[in-house]
PDB file of N, CA and C in Angstrom:
ATOM      1  N   UNK A   1       0.879  -1.321   0.074  1.00  0.00           N
ATOM      2  CA  UNK A   1      -0.071   0.100   0.011  1.00  0.00           C
ATOM      3  C   UNK A   1       0.904   1.379   0.116  1.00  0.00           C
ATOM      4  N   UNK A   2       0.504   2.185  -0.957  1.00  0.00           N
ATOM      5  CA  UNK A   2       1.235   3.468  -0.788  1.00  0.00           C
ATOM      6  C   UNK A   2       0.099   4.717  -0.571  1.00  0.00           C
ATOM      7  N   UNK A   3       0.754   5.590   0.062  1.00  0.00           N
ATOM      8  CA  UNK A   3      -0.196   7.035   0.353  1.00  0.00           C
ATOM      9  C   UNK A   3      -0.115   7.621  -0.958  1.00  0.00           C
ATOM     10  N   UNK A   4      -1.491   8.061  -1.417  1.00  0.00           N
ATOM     11  CA  UNK A   4      -1.498   8.593  -2.653  1.00  0.00           C
ATOM     12  C   UNK A   4      -1.945  10.145  -2.376  1.00  0.00           C
ATOM     13  N   UNK A   5      -2.512  10.456  -1.143  1.00  0.00           N
ATOM     14  CA  UNK A   5      -3.055  11.782  -0.611  1.00  0.00           C
ATOM     15  C   UNK A   5      -3.096  11.836   0.865  1.00  0.00           C
ATOM     16  N   UNK A   6      -2.510  12.642   1.346  1.00  0.00           N
ATOM     17  CA  UNK A   6      -2.934  13.187   2.701  1.00  0.00           C
ATOM     18  C   UNK A   6      -3.823  14.297   2.722  1.00  0.00           C
ATOM     19  N   UNK A   7      -4.895  13.786   3.704  1.00  0.00           N
ATOM     20  CA  UNK A   7      -6.073  14.630   3.515  1.00  0.00           C
ATOM     21  C   UNK A   7      -5.927  15.676   4.807  1.00  0.00           C
ATOM     22  N   UNK A   8      -6.395  17.023   4.375  1.00  0.00           N
ATOM     23  CA  UNK A   8      -6.624  17.872   5.675  1.00  0.00           C
ATOM     24  C   UNK A   8      -7.995  17.513   6.450  1.00  0.00           C
ATOM     25  N   UNK A   9      -9.072  17.178   5.642  1.00  0.00           N
ATOM     26  CA  UNK A   9     -10.216  16.786   6.391  1.00  0.00           C
ATOM     27  C   UNK A   9     -10.791  15.424   5.908  1.00  0.00           C
ATOM     28  N   UNK A  10     -11.904  15.173   6.210  1.00  0.00           N
ATOM     29  CA  UNK A  10     -12.512  13.934   6.071  1.00  0.00           C
ATOM     30  C   UNK A  10     -13.176  13.948   4.808  1.00  0.00           C
ATOM     31  N   UNK A  11     -13.862  15.334   4.568  1.00  0.00           N
ATOM     32  CA  UNK A  11     -14.539  15.320   3.258  1.00  0.00           C
ATOM     33  C   UNK A  11     -13.480  15.043   2.020  1.00  0.00           C
ATOM     34  N   UNK A  12     -12.137  15.767   2.094  1.00  0.00           N
ATOM     35  CA  UNK A  12     -11.142  15.408   0.830  1.00  0.00           C
ATOM     36  C   UNK A  12     -10.901  14.053   0.675  1.00  0.00           C
ATOM     37  N   UNK A  13     -10.763  13.551   1.910  1.00  0.00           N
ATOM     38  CA  UNK A  13     -10.087  12.195   2.001  1.00  0.00           C
ATOM     39  C   UNK A  13     -11.233  11.257   1.205  1.00  0.00           C
ATOM     40  N   UNK A  14     -12.377  11.371   1.447  1.00  0.00           N
ATOM     41  CA  UNK A  14     -13.630  10.650   0.777  1.00  0.00           C
ATOM     42  C   UNK A  14     -13.680  11.064  -0.601  1.00  0.00           C
ATOM     43  N   UNK A  15     -13.648  12.170  -0.871  1.00  0.00           N
ATOM     44  CA  UNK A  15     -13.867  12.707  -2.132  1.00  0.00           C
ATOM     45  C   UNK A  15     -12.786  12.111  -3.104  1.00  0.00           C
ATOM     46  N   UNK A  16     -11.400  12.074  -2.628  1.00  0.00           N
ATOM     47  CA  UNK A  16     -10.361  11.248  -3.306  1.00  0.00           C
ATOM     48  C   UNK A  16     -10.770   9.852  -3.375  1.00  0.00           C
ATOM     49  N   UNK A  17     -11.001   9.269  -2.327  1.00  0.00           N
ATOM     50  CA  UNK A  17     -11.361   7.810  -2.382  1.00  0.00           C
ATOM     51  C   UNK A  17     -12.395   7.567  -3.352  1.00  0.00           C
ATOM     52  N   UNK A  18     -13.632   8.207  -3.491  1.00  0.00           N
ATOM     53  CA  UNK A  18     -14.569   8.020  -4.456  1.00  0.00           C
ATOM     54  C   UNK A  18     -14.151   8.221  -5.694  1.00  0.00           C
ATOM     55  N   UNK A  19     -13.183   9.228  -6.008  1.00  0.00           N
ATOM     56  CA  UNK A  19     -12.790   9.543  -7.566  1.00  0.00           C
ATOM     57  C   UNK A  19     -11.869   8.334  -7.837  1.00  0.00           C
ATOM     58  N   UNK A  20     -11.046   7.879  -6.804  1.00  0.00           N
ATOM     59  CA  UNK A  20     -10.273   6.679  -7.426  1.00  0.00           C
ATOM     60  C   UNK A  20     -11.236   5.592  -7.708  1.00  0.00           C
ATOM     61  N   UNK A  21     -12.275   5.301  -6.888  1.00  0.00           N
ATOM     62  CA  UNK A  21     -13.061   3.941  -7.022  1.00  0.00           C
ATOM     63  C   UNK A  21     -13.781   4.099  -8.144  1.00  0.00           C
ATOM     64  N   UNK A  22     -13.999   5.501  -8.643  1.00  0.00           N
ATOM     65  CA  UNK A  22     -14.814   5.622  -9.902  1.00  0.00           C
ATOM     66  C   UNK A  22     -14.091   5.298 -11.137  1.00  0.00           C
ATOM     67  N   UNK A  23     -12.791   5.604 -10.923  1.00  0.00           N
ATOM     68  CA  UNK A  23     -11.727   5.342 -11.899  1.00  0.00           C
ATOM     69  C   UNK A  23     -11.319   3.720 -11.693  1.00  0.00           C
ATOM     70  N   UNK A  24     -11.890   2.935 -11.190  1.00  0.00           N
ATOM     71  CA  UNK A  24     -11.619   1.522 -10.732  1.00  0.00           C
ATOM     72  C   UNK A  24     -10.183   1.314 -10.194  1.00  0.00           C
ATOM     73  N   UNK A  25      -9.944   2.020  -9.299  1.00  0.00           N
ATOM     74  CA  UNK A  25      -8.874   1.903  -8.411  1.00  0.00           C
ATOM     75  C   UNK A  25      -9.061   1.574  -6.852  1.00  0.00           C
ATOM     76  N   UNK A  26      -8.712   0.625  -6.504  1.00  0.00           N
ATOM     77  CA  UNK A  26      -9.110   0.337  -4.966  1.00  0.00           C
ATOM     78  C   UNK A  26      -8.487   1.390  -4.064  1.00  0.00           C
ATOM     79  N   UNK A  27      -9.284   2.063  -3.204  1.00  0.00           N
ATOM     80  CA  UNK A  27      -8.801   3.004  -2.458  1.00  0.00           C
ATOM     81  C   UNK A  27      -9.252   2.891  -0.934  1.00  0.00           C
ATOM     82  N   UNK A  28      -8.399   3.169   0.141  1.00  0.00           N
ATOM     83  CA  UNK A  28      -8.724   3.224   1.374  1.00  0.00           C
ATOM     84  C   UNK A  28      -8.424   4.345   2.054  1.00  0.00           C
ATOM     85  N   UNK A  29      -9.178   4.654   3.003  1.00  0.00           N
ATOM     86  CA  UNK A  29      -8.933   5.729   4.076  1.00  0.00           C
ATOM     87  C   UNK A  29      -8.444   5.398   5.117  1.00  0.00           C
ATOM     88  N   UNK A  30      -7.295   5.698   5.630  1.00  0.00           N
ATOM     89  CA  UNK A  30      -6.579   5.213   6.970  1.00  0.00           C
ATOM     90  C   UNK A  30      -6.740   6.605   7.856  1.00  0.00           C
ATOM     91  N   UNK A  31      -6.827   6.345   9.378  1.00  0.00           N
ATOM     92  CA  UNK A  31      -6.938   7.575  10.067  1.00  0.00           C
ATOM     93  C   UNK A  31      -8.146   8.063  10.492  1.00  0.00           C
ATOM     94  N   UNK A  32      -9.326   7.618   9.662  1.00  0.00           N
ATOM     95  CA  UNK A  32     -10.599   8.097  10.174  1.00  0.00           C
ATOM     96  C   UNK A  32     -10.801   7.862  11.529  1.00  0.00           C
ATOM     97  N   UNK A  33     -10.512   6.696  12.026  1.00  0.00           N
ATOM     98  CA  UNK A  33     -11.141   6.472  13.529  1.00  0.00           C
ATOM     99  C   UNK A  33     -10.341   7.179  14.435  1.00  0.00           C
ATOM    100  N   UNK A  34      -9.251   7.838  14.144  1.00  0.00           N
ATOM    101  CA  UNK A  34      -8.401   8.488  15.112  1.00  0.00           C
ATOM    102  C   UNK A  34      -9.225   9.934  15.318  1.00  0.00           C
ATOM    103  N   UNK A  35     -10.024  10.533  14.314  1.00  0.00           N
ATOM    104  CA  UNK A  35     -10.767  11.623  14.537  1.00  0.00           C
ATOM    105  C   UNK A  35     -11.588  11.929  15.724  1.00  0.00           C
ATOM    106  N   UNK A  36     -12.028  10.696  16.234  1.00  0.00           N
ATOM    107  CA  UNK A  36     -12.928  10.658  17.266  1.00  0.00           C
ATOM    108  C   UNK A  36     -12.437  11.101  18.515  1.00  0.00           C
ATOM    109  N   UNK A  37     -11.051  10.829  18.683  1.00  0.00           N
ATOM    110  CA  UNK A  37     -10.292  11.126  20.096  1.00  0.00           C
ATOM    111  C   UNK A  37      -9.608  12.209  19.963  1.00  0.00           C
ATOM    112  N   UNK A  38      -9.706  13.182  18.868  1.00  0.00           N
ATOM    113  CA  UNK A  38      -9.226  14.315  19.046  1.00  0.00           C
ATOM    114  C   UNK A  38      -9.664  15.540  19.987  1.00  0.00           C
ATOM    115  N   UNK A  39     -10.736  15.389  20.200  1.00  0.00           N
ATOM    116  CA  UNK A  39     -11.745  16.326  21.028  1.00  0.00           C
ATOM    117  C   UNK A  39     -11.688  17.673  20.279  1.00  0.00           C
ATOM    118  N   UNK A  40     -11.550  18.731  20.856  1.00  0.00           N
ATOM    119  CA  UNK A  40     -11.764  20.146  20.180  1.00  0.00           C
ATOM    120  C   UNK A  40     -10.285  20.495  19.558  1.00  0.00           C
ATOM    121  N   UNK A  41      -9.460  19.971  19.751  1.00  0.00           N
ATOM    122  CA  UNK A  41      -8.091  20.223  19.081  1.00  0.00           C
ATOM    123  C   UNK A  41      -7.899  19.723  17.663  1.00  0.00           C
ATOM    124  N   UNK A  42      -7.544  20.470  16.911  1.00  0.00           N
ATOM    125  CA  UNK A  42      -7.277  19.910  15.456  1.00  0.00           C
ATOM    126  C   UNK A  42      -6.183  19.181  15.450  1.00  0.00           C
ATOM    127  N   UNK A  43      -6.442  18.062  14.517  1.00  0.00           N
ATOM    128  CA  UNK A  43      -5.410  16.610  14.590  1.00  0.00           C
ATOM    129  C   UNK A  43      -4.872  16.883  13.039  1.00  0.00           C
ATOM    130  N   UNK A  44      -3.697  17.051  12.770  1.00  0.00           N
ATOM    131  CA  UNK A  44      -3.280  16.971  11.223  1.00  0.00           C
ATOM    132  C   UNK A  44      -2.370  15.937  10.943  1.00  0.00           C
ATOM    133  N   UNK A  45      -2.480  15.433   9.790  1.00  0.00           N
ATOM    134  CA  UNK A  45      -1.544  14.263   9.173  1.00  0.00           C
ATOM    135  C   UNK A  45      -1.812  12.919   9.487  1.00  0.00           C
ATOM    136  N   UNK A  46      -3.135  12.722   9.918  1.00  0.00           N
ATOM    137  CA  UNK A  46      -3.585  11.324  10.182  1.00  0.00           C
ATOM    138  C   UNK A  46      -4.594  10.744   9.152  1.00  0.00           C
ATOM    139  N   UNK A  47      -5.178  11.583   8.287  1.00  0.00           N
ATOM    140  CA  UNK A  47      -6.038  11.087   7.240  1.00  0.00           C
ATOM    141  C   UNK A  47      -5.130  10.865   6.134  1.00  0.00           C
ATOM    142  N   UNK A  48      -5.141   9.609   5.551  1.00  0.00           N
ATOM    143  CA  UNK A  48      -4.320   9.251   4.407  1.00  0.00           C
ATOM    144  C   UNK A  48      -5.299   8.383   3.399  1.00  0.00           C
ATOM    145  N   UNK A  49      -5.031   8.586   2.223  1.00  0.00           N
ATOM    146  CA  UNK A  49      -5.764   7.684   1.198  1.00  0.00           C
ATOM    147  C   UNK A  49      -4.767   6.751   0.690  1.00  0.00           C
ATOM    148  N   UNK A  50      -4.700   5.589   0.511  1.00  0.00           N
ATOM    149  CA  UNK A  50      -3.878   4.734   0.275  1.00  0.00           C
ATOM    150  C   UNK A  50      -4.419   3.851  -0.963  1.00  0.00           C
ATOM    151  N   UNK A  51      -3.546   3.436  -1.668  1.00  0.00           N
ATOM    152  CA  UNK A  51      -3.890   2.475  -3.032  1.00  0.00           C
ATOM    153  C   UNK A  51      -2.687   1.427  -3.181  1.00  0.00           C
ATOM    154  N   UNK A  52      -3.164   0.430  -3.809  1.00  0.00           N
ATOM    155  CA  UNK A  52      -2.201  -0.733  -4.120  1.00  0.00           C
ATOM    156  C   UNK A  52      -1.039  -0.302  -4.635  1.00  0.00           C
ATOM    157  N   UNK A  53       0.155  -0.700  -4.208  1.00  0.00           N
ATOM    158  CA  UNK A  53       1.409  -0.436  -5.120  1.00  0.00           C
ATOM    159  C   UNK A  53       1.283  -0.365  -6.688  1.00  0.00           C
ATOM    160  N   UNK A  54       0.708  -1.248  -7.295  1.00  0.00           N
ATOM    161  CA  UNK A  54       0.622  -1.576  -8.613  1.00  0.00           C
ATOM    162  C   UNK A  54      -0.315  -0.617  -9.115  1.00  0.00           C
ATOM    163  N   UNK A  55      -1.126   0.243  -8.494  1.00  0.00           N
ATOM    164  CA  UNK A  55      -2.178   1.384  -8.969  1.00  0.00           C
ATOM    165  C   UNK A  55      -1.647   2.758  -8.685  1.00  0.00           C
ATOM    166  N   UNK A  56      -0.559   2.890  -8.093  1.00  0.00           N
ATOM    167  CA  UNK A  56      -0.019   4.207  -7.686  1.00  0.00           C
ATOM    168  C   UNK A  56      -0.041   5.199  -8.756  1.00  0.00           C
ATOM    169  N   UNK A  57       0.818   5.010  -9.868  1.00  0.00           N
ATOM    170  CA  UNK A  57       0.792   5.930 -10.848  1.00  0.00           C
ATOM    171  C   UNK A  57      -0.378   6.265 -11.447  1.00  0.00           C
ATOM    172  N   UNK A  58      -1.367   5.251 -11.703  1.00  0.00           N
ATOM    173  CA  UNK A  58      -2.491   5.562 -12.045  1.00  0.00           C
ATOM    174  C   UNK A  58      -3.401   6.747 -11.231  1.00  0.00           C
ATOM    175  N   UNK A  59      -3.179   6.416  -9.895  1.00  0.00           N
ATOM    176  CA  UNK A  59      -3.874   7.010  -8.794  1.00  0.00           C
ATOM    177  C   UNK A  59      -3.571   8.541  -8.666  1.00  0.00           C
ATOM    178  N   UNK A  60      -2.136   8.715  -8.841  1.00  0.00           N
ATOM    179  CA  UNK A  60      -1.700   9.932  -8.779  1.00  0.00           C
ATOM    180  C   UNK A  60      -2.215  10.859  -9.906  1.00  0.00           C
ATOM    181  N   UNK A  61      -2.483  10.187 -10.990  1.00  0.00           N
ATOM    182  CA  UNK A  61      -2.969  11.145 -12.254  1.00  0.00           C
ATOM    183  C   UNK A  61      -4.471  11.684 -11.729  1.00  0.00           C
ATOM    184  N   UNK A  62      -5.261  10.483 -11.307  1.00  0.00           N
ATOM    185  CA  UNK A  62      -6.585  10.810 -10.575  1.00  0.00           C
ATOM    186  C   UNK A  62      -6.648  11.890  -9.612  1.00  0.00           C
ATOM    187  N   UNK A  63      -5.802  11.771  -8.590  1.00  0.00           N
ATOM    188  CA  UNK A  63      -5.620  12.925  -7.486  1.00  0.00           C
ATOM    189  C   UNK A  63      -5.372  14.187  -8.063  1.00  0.00           C
ATOM    190  N   UNK A  64      -4.379  14.254  -9.059  1.00  0.00           N
ATOM    191  CA  UNK A  64      -3.902  15.595  -9.589  1.00  0.00           C
ATOM    192  C   UNK A  64      -5.128  16.180 -10.266  1.00  0.00           C
ATOM    193  N   UNK A  65      -5.816  15.446 -10.978  1.00  0.00           N
ATOM    194  CA  UNK A  65      -7.005  15.846 -11.751  1.00  0.00           C
ATOM    195  C   UNK A  65      -7.974  16.573 -10.780  1.00  0.00           C
ATOM    196  N   UNK A  66      -8.195  16.203  -9.695  1.00  0.00           N
ATOM    197  CA  UNK A  66      -9.062  16.542  -8.828  1.00  0.00           C
ATOM    198  C   UNK A  66      -8.682  18.307  -8.237  1.00  0.00           C
ATOM    199  N   UNK A  67      -7.593  18.590  -8.262  1.00  0.00           N
ATOM    200  CA  UNK A  67      -7.225  19.959  -8.033  1.00  0.00           C
ATOM    201  C   UNK A  67      -7.187  20.172  -6.619  1.00  0.00           C
ATOM    202  N   UNK A  68      -6.949  19.263  -5.817  1.00  0.00           N
ATOM    203  CA  UNK A  68      -6.958  19.374  -4.342  1.00  0.00           C
ATOM    204  C   UNK A  68      -5.532  19.783  -3.718  1.00  0.00           C
ATOM    205  N   UNK A  69      -4.684  20.134  -4.588  1.00  0.00           N
ATOM    206  CA  UNK A  69      -3.248  20.476  -3.929  1.00  0.00           C
ATOM    207  C   UNK A  69      -3.168  21.463  -3.063  1.00  0.00           C
ATOM    208  N   UNK A  70      -2.538  21.158  -1.823  1.00  0.00           N
ATOM    209  CA  UNK A  70      -2.421  22.080  -0.933  1.00  0.00           C
ATOM    210  C   UNK A  70      -1.658  23.413  -1.400  1.00  0.00           C
ATOM    211  N   UNK A  71      -2.372  24.459  -0.796  1.00  0.00           N
ATOM    212  CA  UNK A  71      -1.904  25.809  -1.267  1.00  0.00           C
ATOM    213  C   UNK A  71      -1.089  26.473  -0.209  1.00  0.00           C
ATOM    214  N   UNK A  72      -0.368  25.597   0.864  1.00  0.00           N
ATOM    215  CA  UNK A  72       0.496  26.038   1.680  1.00  0.00           C
ATOM    216  C   UNK A  72      -0.250  26.780   2.963  1.00  0.00           C
ATOM    217  N   UNK A  73      -1.500  26.645   3.039  1.00  0.00           N
ATOM    218  CA  UNK A  73      -2.392  27.108   4.068  1.00  0.00           C
ATOM    219  C   UNK A  73      -2.368  26.113   5.336  1.00  0.00           C
ATOM    220  N   UNK A  74      -1.744  25.069   5.445  1.00  0.00           N
ATOM    221  CA  UNK A  74      -1.858  24.169   6.248  1.00  0.00           C
ATOM    222  C   UNK A  74      -1.503  24.638   7.618  1.00  0.00           C
ATOM    223  N   UNK A  75      -1.349  23.662   8.674  1.00  0.00           N
ATOM    224  CA  UNK A  75      -0.995  24.229   9.925  1.00  0.00           C
ATOM    225  C   UNK A  75       0.505  24.650  10.184  1.00  0.00           C
ATOM    226  N   UNK A  76       0.395  25.584  10.962  1.00  0.00           N
ATOM    227  CA  UNK A  76       1.934  26.405  11.253  1.00  0.00           C
ATOM    228  C   UNK A  76       2.473  25.498  12.024  1.00  0.00           C
ATOM    229  N   UNK A  77       3.819  25.205  11.761  1.00  0.00           N
ATOM    230  CA  UNK A  77       4.435  24.139  12.606  1.00  0.00           C
ATOM    231  C   UNK A  77       5.698  25.193  13.196  1.00  0.00           C
ATOM    232  N   UNK A  78       6.407  24.608  14.270  1.00  0.00           N
ATOM    233  CA  UNK A  78       7.474  25.518  14.826  1.00  0.00           C
ATOM    234  C   UNK A  78       8.525  25.707  13.786  1.00  0.00           C
ATOM    235  N   UNK A  79       8.899  27.187  13.814  1.00  0.00           N
ATOM    236  CA  UNK A  79       9.827  27.514  12.636  1.00  0.00           C
ATOM    237  C   UNK A  79       9.228  28.222  11.465  1.00  0.00           C
ATOM    238  N   UNK A  80       7.874  28.066  11.505  1.00  0.00           N
ATOM    239  CA  UNK A  80       7.189  28.468  10.299  1.00  0.00           C
ATOM    240  C   UNK A  80       6.675  29.967  10.510  1.00  0.00           C
ATOM    241  N   UNK A  81       6.839  30.670  11.672  1.00  0.00           N
ATOM    242  CA  UNK A  81       6.565  31.852  11.865  1.00  0.00           C
ATOM    243  C   UNK A  81       7.257  32.851  11.319  1.00  0.00           C
ATOM    244  N   UNK A  82       8.481  32.526  10.846  1.00  0.00           N
ATOM    245  CA  UNK A  82       9.376  33.739  10.384  1.00  0.00           C
ATOM    246  C   UNK A  82       8.900  34.250   8.936  1.00  0.00           C
ATOM    247  N   UNK A  83       8.974  35.559   9.123  1.00  0.00           N
ATOM    248  CA  UNK A  83       8.389  36.238   7.971  1.00  0.00           C
ATOM    249  C   UNK A  83       6.949  36.472   8.059  1.00  0.00           C
ATOM    250  N   UNK A  84       6.376  35.964   9.109  1.00  0.00           N
ATOM    251  CA  UNK A  84       4.880  36.360   9.197  1.00  0.00           C
ATOM    252  C   UNK A  84       4.596  37.496  10.127  1.00  0.00           C
ATOM    253  N   UNK A  85       5.608  38.307  10.652  1.00  0.00           N
ATOM    254  CA  UNK A  85       5.181  39.046  11.523  1.00  0.00           C
ATOM    255  C   UNK A  85       4.954  38.831  12.836  1.00  0.00           C
ATOM    256  N   UNK A  86       5.211  37.731  13.248  1.00  0.00           N
ATOM    257  CA  UNK A  86       5.015  37.160  14.628  1.00  0.00           C
ATOM    258  C   UNK A  86       6.208  37.232  15.262  1.00  0.00           C
ATOM    259  N   UNK A  87       6.100  37.896  16.385  1.00  0.00           N
ATOM    260  CA  UNK A  87       7.462  38.167  17.326  1.00  0.00           C
ATOM    261  C   UNK A  87       7.595  36.983  18.190  1.00  0.00           C
ATOM    262  N   UNK A  88       8.793  36.523  18.403  1.00  0.00           N
ATOM    263  CA  UNK A  88       9.073  35.533  19.256  1.00  0.00           C
ATOM    264  C   UNK A  88       8.698  35.624  20.598  1.00  0.00           C
ATOM    265  N   UNK A  89       8.311  34.624  21.359  1.00  0.00           N
ATOM    266  CA  UNK A  89       7.936  34.775  22.909  1.00  0.00           C
ATOM    267  C   UNK A  89       9.223  34.954  23.722  1.00  0.00           C
TER     268      UNK A  89
END
Protein backbone atom coordinates (compact mmCIF):
# COMPACT_ATOMS: atom_id res chain seq x y z
CA UNK A 1 0.00 0.00 0.00
CA UNK A 2 1.17 3.52 -0.79
CA UNK A 3 -0.18 6.87 0.34
CA UNK A 4 -1.50 8.76 -2.66
CA UNK A 5 -3.07 11.67 -0.76
CA UNK A 6 -2.73 13.21 2.72
CA UNK A 7 -6.06 14.81 3.53
CA UNK A 8 -6.64 17.88 5.67
CA UNK A 9 -10.21 16.81 6.41
CA UNK A 10 -12.57 13.88 6.11
CA UNK A 11 -14.47 15.39 3.19
CA UNK A 12 -11.37 15.62 1.00
CA UNK A 13 -10.29 12.11 1.98
CA UNK A 14 -13.59 10.61 0.87
CA UNK A 15 -13.75 12.79 -2.25
CA UNK A 16 -10.39 11.35 -3.33
CA UNK A 17 -11.41 7.81 -2.35
CA UNK A 18 -14.62 7.99 -4.39
CA UNK A 19 -12.83 9.52 -7.40
CA UNK A 20 -10.29 6.70 -7.32
CA UNK A 21 -13.01 4.07 -7.03
CA UNK A 22 -14.84 5.69 -9.96
CA UNK A 23 -11.63 5.16 -11.95
CA UNK A 24 -11.72 1.50 -10.81
CA UNK A 25 -8.72 1.93 -8.50
CA UNK A 26 -9.20 0.39 -5.05
CA UNK A 27 -8.69 3.03 -2.35
CA UNK A 28 -8.70 3.03 1.42
CA UNK A 29 -8.94 5.86 3.97
CA UNK A 30 -6.72 5.34 7.00
CA UNK A 31 -6.83 7.39 10.19
CA UNK A 32 -10.55 8.08 10.13
CA UNK A 33 -11.13 6.37 13.47
CA UNK A 34 -8.50 8.59 15.12
CA UNK A 35 -10.59 11.72 14.54
CA UNK A 36 -13.06 10.82 17.30
CA UNK A 37 -10.35 10.95 19.93
CA UNK A 38 -9.04 14.37 19.09
CA UNK A 39 -11.57 16.37 21.09
CA UNK A 40 -11.67 20.06 20.22
CA UNK A 41 -8.05 20.29 19.11
CA UNK A 42 -7.22 20.02 15.42
CA UNK A 43 -5.38 16.88 14.42
CA UNK A 44 -3.24 17.03 11.27
CA UNK A 45 -1.55 14.36 9.19
CA UNK A 46 -3.61 11.37 10.24
CA UNK A 47 -5.97 11.04 7.26
CA UNK A 48 -4.32 9.14 4.43
CA UNK A 49 -5.79 7.78 1.23
CA UNK A 50 -3.87 4.68 0.16
CA UNK A 51 -3.88 2.53 -2.95
CA UNK A 52 -2.15 -0.73 -3.87
CA UNK A 53 1.45 -0.33 -5.06
CA UNK A 54 0.57 -1.44 -8.58
CA UNK A 55 -2.09 1.28 -8.97
CA UNK A 56 -0.05 4.17 -7.57
CA UNK A 57 0.94 5.85 -10.84
CA UNK A 58 -2.64 5.77 -12.17
CA UNK A 59 -3.95 7.02 -8.82
CA UNK A 60 -1.56 9.99 -8.82
CA UNK A 61 -3.06 11.18 -12.10
CA UNK A 62 -6.59 10.93 -10.74
CA UNK A 63 -5.70 12.86 -7.58
CA UNK A 64 -3.90 15.59 -9.53
CA UNK A 65 -6.96 15.95 -11.75
CA UNK A 66 -9.10 16.76 -8.72
CA UNK A 67 -7.22 20.00 -8.05
CA UNK A 68 -6.95 19.44 -4.31
CA UNK A 69 -3.28 20.41 -4.11
CA UNK A 70 -2.33 22.10 -0.86
CA UNK A 71 -1.88 25.85 -1.20
CA UNK A 72 0.44 26.11 1.79
CA UNK A 73 -2.30 27.16 4.19
CA UNK A 74 -1.88 24.07 6.35
CA UNK A 75 -0.98 24.06 10.02
CA UNK A 76 1.77 26.39 11.20
CA UNK A 77 4.59 24.34 12.66
CA UNK A 78 7.49 25.41 14.85
CA UNK A 79 9.83 27.59 12.80
CA UNK A 80 7.15 28.50 10.24
CA UNK A 81 6.44 31.86 11.87
CA UNK A 82 9.50 33.52 10.32
CA UNK A 83 8.48 36.27 7.95
CA UNK A 84 4.87 36.37 9.16
CA UNK A 85 5.33 39.35 11.44
CA UNK A 86 5.01 37.19 14.54
CA UNK A 87 7.33 38.19 17.34
CA UNK A 88 9.07 35.39 19.24
CA UNK A 89 7.92 34.88 22.82
